[in-house]
Amino acid sequence: MFAHKPHHVHHTCYDKIQGCDLHEGKWGKVGTIVHWSYVHDGKAKKAKEVVEAVDPDKNLITFRVIEGDLMEEYKSFVATILVSPKSEDSGSVVHWTLEYEKLHDGIADPETLLQLVQDISKDIDDHLIQAN
């Protein structure tokens, strides 16, 4: 969903993701720029991200934030999503990796953002289970 249909993510968790618009490029392609509207810590936020990596064989996508609210606290912010099928069961496990460099030591680690992506993953899981 994040690689080829990120604009559908808000249908699964509309209280967290308000939208994802294609700014430049094509869905699922390296170099594509997307604009996210989301709610974090009870506030409407924006992020413009460039797709840095897409590996369909590994179910992996990497986004680098290039503009938006996160750039007020971080010099760099990269999110990687890796989906691994369960070996003994149906379904998959989602691994989020958030790599960031703070603007200064007074900036908190993005723990609430990690909780947000966990909640988004659960909402997508619920949506996919209902679809089957």
Protein backbone atom coordinates (compact mmCIF):
# COMPACT_ATOMS: atom_id res chain seq x y z
CA MET A 1 0.00 0.00 0.00
CA PHE A 2 2.77 2.50 0.85
CA ALA A 3 4.69 1.78 -2.34
CA HIS A 4 1.99 1.71 -5.00
CA LYS A 5 -1.13 3.14 -3.39
CA PRO A 6 -0.09 5.49 -0.57
CA HIS A 7 -3.01 7.73 -1.52
CA HIS A 8 -5.26 4.90 -0.20
CA VAL A 9 -3.67 4.87 3.27
CA HIS A 10 -6.03 7.59 4.51
CA HIS A 11 -9.00 5.30 3.76
CA THR A 12 -7.69 2.87 6.38
CA CYS A 13 -6.78 5.42 9.07
CA TYR A 14 -8.49 8.69 8.17
CA ASP A 15 -8.15 9.96 11.76
CA LYS A 16 -4.35 9.82 11.39
CA ILE A 17 -3.69 10.34 7.67
CA GLN A 18 -5.75 13.01 5.90
CA GLY A 19 -4.16 12.50 2.51
CA CYS A 20 -1.22 11.63 0.34
CA ASP A 21 -0.81 13.50 -2.92
CA LEU A 22 1.57 12.80 -5.77
CA HIS A 23 3.76 15.88 -6.18
CA GLU A 24 6.17 14.56 -8.80
CA GLY A 25 6.94 11.19 -10.42
CA LYS A 26 4.99 7.93 -10.36
CA TRP A 27 3.68 5.87 -7.46
CA GLY A 28 6.14 3.18 -6.42
CA LYS A 29 9.16 4.66 -8.20
CA VAL A 30 12.44 5.93 -6.74
CA GLY A 31 12.61 9.72 -6.96
CA THR A 32 8.86 10.19 -6.62
CA ILE A 33 7.86 13.06 -4.33
CA VAL A 34 4.73 12.73 -2.20
CA HIS A 35 3.01 15.17 0.12
CA TRP A 36 1.43 13.76 3.29
CA SER A 37 -1.19 15.43 5.50
CA TYR A 38 -1.42 13.74 8.88
CA VAL A 39 -2.27 14.24 12.56
CA HIS A 40 0.52 13.86 15.12
CA ASP A 41 0.18 14.69 18.81
CA GLY A 42 -3.30 16.08 18.10
CA LYS A 43 -2.08 18.61 15.52
CA ALA A 44 -2.41 18.72 11.73
CA LYS A 45 1.00 18.26 10.13
CA LYS A 46 2.52 18.13 6.64
CA ALA A 47 5.48 16.30 5.16
CA LYS A 48 6.96 16.28 1.68
CA GLU A 49 8.97 13.12 1.10
CA VAL A 50 11.05 11.65 -1.69
CA VAL A 51 11.02 7.90 -2.29
CA GLU A 52 14.64 6.76 -1.91
CA ALA A 53 14.25 3.01 -2.29
CA VAL A 54 11.65 0.54 -3.49
CA ASP A 55 12.31 -3.20 -3.42
CA PRO A 56 9.21 -5.24 -4.34
CA ASP A 57 11.04 -8.53 -3.66
CA LYS A 58 11.70 -7.49 -0.06
CA ASN A 59 8.44 -5.51 0.34
CA LEU A 60 10.51 -2.46 1.27
CA ILE A 61 10.09 1.26 0.70
CA THR A 62 12.16 4.16 2.06
CA PHE A 63 11.01 7.78 2.30
CA ARG A 64 13.24 10.80 3.08
CA VAL A 65 11.49 13.87 4.47
CA ILE A 66 12.56 16.94 2.50
CA GLU A 67 10.06 19.53 3.79
CA GLY A 68 7.45 19.91 6.47
CA ASP A 69 6.91 19.94 10.20
CA LEU A 70 9.55 17.32 11.01
CA MET A 71 12.24 19.58 9.53
CA GLU A 72 11.57 22.03 12.39
CA GLU A 73 13.21 19.52 14.78
CA TYR A 74 15.37 17.26 12.62
CA LYS A 75 18.23 17.86 10.17
CA SER A 76 17.29 14.62 8.44
CA PHE A 77 14.49 12.12 8.81
CA VAL A 78 14.19 8.82 6.91
CA ALA A 79 11.47 6.19 7.32
CA THR A 80 11.86 2.66 5.99
CA ILE A 81 9.00 0.19 5.92
CA LEU A 82 9.82 -3.51 5.52
CA VAL A 83 7.01 -6.08 5.40
CA SER A 84 8.06 -9.69 6.03
CA PRO A 85 5.67 -12.61 5.51
CA LYS A 86 5.26 -14.86 8.53
CA SER A 87 6.91 -18.21 7.91
CA GLU A 88 4.43 -20.45 9.73
CA ASP A 89 1.25 -18.44 9.54
CA SER A 90 -0.67 -16.26 7.18
CA GLY A 91 -0.05 -12.56 7.37
CA SER A 92 3.06 -10.43 7.70
CA VAL A 93 5.16 -8.50 10.18
CA VAL A 94 5.78 -4.80 9.55
CA HIS A 95 9.13 -3.29 10.56
CA TRP A 96 9.46 0.50 10.65
CA THR A 97 12.91 2.04 10.89
CA LEU A 98 13.09 5.75 11.67
CA GLU A 99 16.53 7.28 11.13
CA TYR A 100 16.93 10.89 12.18
CA GLU A 101 19.38 13.56 13.19
CA LYS A 102 18.13 16.13 15.69
CA LEU A 103 18.77 19.84 15.18
CA HIS A 104 20.05 20.00 18.79
CA ASP A 105 20.18 17.92 21.98
CA GLY A 106 17.04 19.56 23.38
CA ILE A 107 14.87 17.82 20.77
CA ALA A 108 13.08 14.69 22.02
CA ASP A 109 13.38 11.35 20.28
CA PRO A 110 10.32 10.76 18.05
CA GLU A 111 8.66 8.22 20.34
CA THR A 112 5.16 9.58 19.71
CA LEU A 113 5.81 9.36 15.98
CA LEU A 114 6.81 5.73 16.42
CA GLN A 115 3.51 5.14 18.21
CA LEU A 116 1.70 6.86 15.32
CA VAL A 117 3.23 4.55 12.68
CA GLN A 118 2.44 1.55 14.87
CA ASP A 119 -1.21 2.68 15.08
CA ILE A 120 -1.29 3.26 11.30
CA SER A 121 0.06 -0.26 10.73
CA LYS A 122 -2.65 -1.72 12.98
CA ASP A 123 -5.35 0.22 11.12
CA ILE A 124 -4.05 -1.04 7.77
CA ASP A 125 -3.97 -4.59 9.15
CA ASP A 126 -7.59 -4.30 10.30
CA HIS A 127 -8.56 -2.95 6.88
CA LEU A 128 -6.82 -5.79 5.02
CA ILE A 129 -8.37 -8.45 7.29
CA GLN A 130 -11.85 -7.01 6.66
CA ALA A 131 -11.21 -6.97 2.89
CA ASN A 132 -10.50 -10.72 2.90
